[in-house]
């Protein structure tokens, strides 16, 4: 999973969970879905996190989810690469998908708006 956008911009990303064998959408409704960003995966504290239960991730049905990143989530972060993951939880089952978030340069910063 690779995410790339200008720092301080709004960003939406849809994703569909599919069965590896059948390639069909997994229709399970998860108890919680997390999207977590850290400078390095080994860091203790995250820089920002989105959760389905707080509205940062929305279940659209048919195995489709949408992640919503707000300008305020990345305004104070440096340009460059960050580690991120999407974690799904239901009962005692947990599944994690690892990725990279790249914040690209911007010229109109939040303090210029």
Protein backbone atom coordinates (compact mmCIF):
# COMPACT_ATOMS: atom_id res chain seq x y z
CA UNK A 1 0.00 0.00 0.00
CA UNK A 2 1.47 3.32 -1.09
CA UNK A 3 -0.17 6.68 -0.29
CA UNK A 4 1.23 9.90 -1.73
CA UNK A 5 -0.16 13.42 -1.54
CA UNK A 6 0.82 16.99 -0.68
CA UNK A 7 1.26 17.70 3.02
CA UNK A 8 -1.73 19.56 4.44
CA UNK A 9 -4.16 18.44 1.73
CA UNK A 10 -7.36 16.46 2.11
CA UNK A 11 -6.98 12.87 0.98
CA UNK A 12 -9.51 10.09 0.51
CA UNK A 13 -8.60 6.52 -0.33
CA UNK A 14 -11.02 3.70 -0.92
CA UNK A 15 -10.06 0.08 -0.50
CA UNK A 16 -11.80 -3.26 -0.91
CA UNK A 17 -10.86 -6.29 1.14
CA UNK A 18 -10.80 -9.39 -1.08
CA UNK A 19 -10.37 -13.09 -0.40
CA UNK A 20 -6.91 -14.11 -1.65
CA UNK A 21 -8.25 -17.31 -3.23
CA UNK A 22 -11.59 -16.31 -4.74
CA UNK A 23 -10.78 -12.61 -5.33
CA UNK A 24 -14.30 -11.83 -4.08
CA UNK A 25 -14.95 -9.02 -1.56
CA UNK A 26 -14.86 -10.03 2.10
CA UNK A 27 -18.24 -8.93 3.40
CA UNK A 28 -17.34 -9.24 7.10
CA UNK A 29 -18.12 -6.06 9.01
CA UNK A 30 -15.16 -5.49 11.29
CA UNK A 31 -15.52 -4.29 14.89
CA UNK A 32 -12.72 -1.78 14.31
CA UNK A 33 -10.48 -0.64 11.47
CA UNK A 34 -7.39 1.45 12.23
CA UNK A 35 -5.11 3.49 9.98
CA UNK A 36 -1.96 4.45 11.88
CA UNK A 37 0.98 6.63 10.81
CA UNK A 38 4.40 6.76 12.50
CA UNK A 39 7.75 8.10 11.34
CA UNK A 40 9.15 4.60 11.91
CA UNK A 41 7.18 1.46 12.67
CA UNK A 42 9.30 0.98 15.81
CA UNK A 43 8.22 4.32 17.33
CA UNK A 44 5.97 4.02 20.39
CA UNK A 45 3.64 6.94 19.64
CA UNK A 46 1.77 7.49 16.39
CA UNK A 47 1.71 10.82 14.55
CA UNK A 48 -1.94 10.40 13.69
CA UNK A 49 -4.50 7.63 13.61
CA UNK A 50 -7.89 7.15 11.99
CA UNK A 51 -10.52 4.71 13.27
CA UNK A 52 -13.76 3.41 11.85
CA UNK A 53 -15.53 3.96 15.19
CA UNK A 54 -14.63 7.66 15.20
CA UNK A 55 -15.49 8.33 11.54
CA UNK A 56 -11.99 8.57 10.02
CA UNK A 57 -12.71 5.35 8.13
CA UNK A 58 -16.17 4.62 6.74
CA UNK A 59 -17.59 1.23 5.78
CA UNK A 60 -19.43 1.76 2.49
CA UNK A 61 -20.76 -1.80 2.20
CA UNK A 62 -19.87 -4.76 -0.04
CA UNK A 63 -16.37 -4.98 1.54
CA UNK A 64 -15.48 -1.37 0.58
CA UNK A 65 -14.00 1.14 3.06
CA UNK A 66 -12.96 4.78 2.63
CA UNK A 67 -10.15 6.43 4.59
CA UNK A 68 -10.42 10.20 5.18
CA UNK A 69 -7.27 12.22 5.96
CA UNK A 70 -7.79 15.88 6.88
CA UNK A 71 -5.35 18.78 6.28
CA UNK A 72 -4.91 19.13 10.06
CA UNK A 73 -3.64 15.53 10.24
CA UNK A 74 -0.47 16.33 8.25
CA UNK A 75 0.00 20.14 8.44
CA UNK A 76 2.70 19.93 11.12
CA UNK A 77 4.53 16.90 9.67
CA UNK A 78 7.77 17.14 7.67
CA UNK A 79 7.88 16.25 3.98
CA UNK A 80 9.00 12.68 3.35
CA UNK A 81 8.16 9.06 4.02
CA UNK A 82 6.34 7.52 6.97
CA UNK A 83 5.37 4.00 7.93
CA UNK A 84 1.66 3.25 8.05
CA UNK A 85 -0.68 0.32 8.32
CA UNK A 86 -4.32 -0.66 8.20
CA UNK A 87 -5.38 -3.01 10.96
CA UNK A 88 -8.72 -4.83 11.05
CA UNK A 89 -10.13 -6.37 14.23
CA UNK A 90 -13.11 -8.60 14.92
CA UNK A 91 -13.51 -10.48 18.18
CA UNK A 92 -10.12 -12.16 18.75
CA UNK A 93 -9.01 -11.94 15.10
CA UNK A 94 -6.64 -9.21 13.86
CA UNK A 95 -5.14 -8.61 10.40
CA UNK A 96 -2.60 -5.91 9.45
CA UNK A 97 -1.57 -4.52 6.04
CA UNK A 98 1.67 -2.48 5.99
CA UNK A 99 2.42 0.50 3.75
CA UNK A 100 4.21 3.78 3.18
CA UNK A 101 2.81 7.31 3.31
CA UNK A 102 4.78 9.92 1.38
CA UNK A 103 4.04 13.59 2.07
CA UNK A 104 4.98 15.65 -0.96
CA UNK A 105 6.04 19.28 -1.00
CA UNK A 106 3.58 22.12 -0.85
CA UNK A 107 4.14 25.82 -1.51
CA UNK A 108 0.96 27.26 0.03
CA UNK A 109 1.40 26.28 3.68
CA UNK A 110 -1.40 26.40 6.28
CA UNK A 111 -0.03 29.70 7.62
CA UNK A 112 -0.28 31.22 4.07
CA UNK A 113 -3.98 30.43 3.71
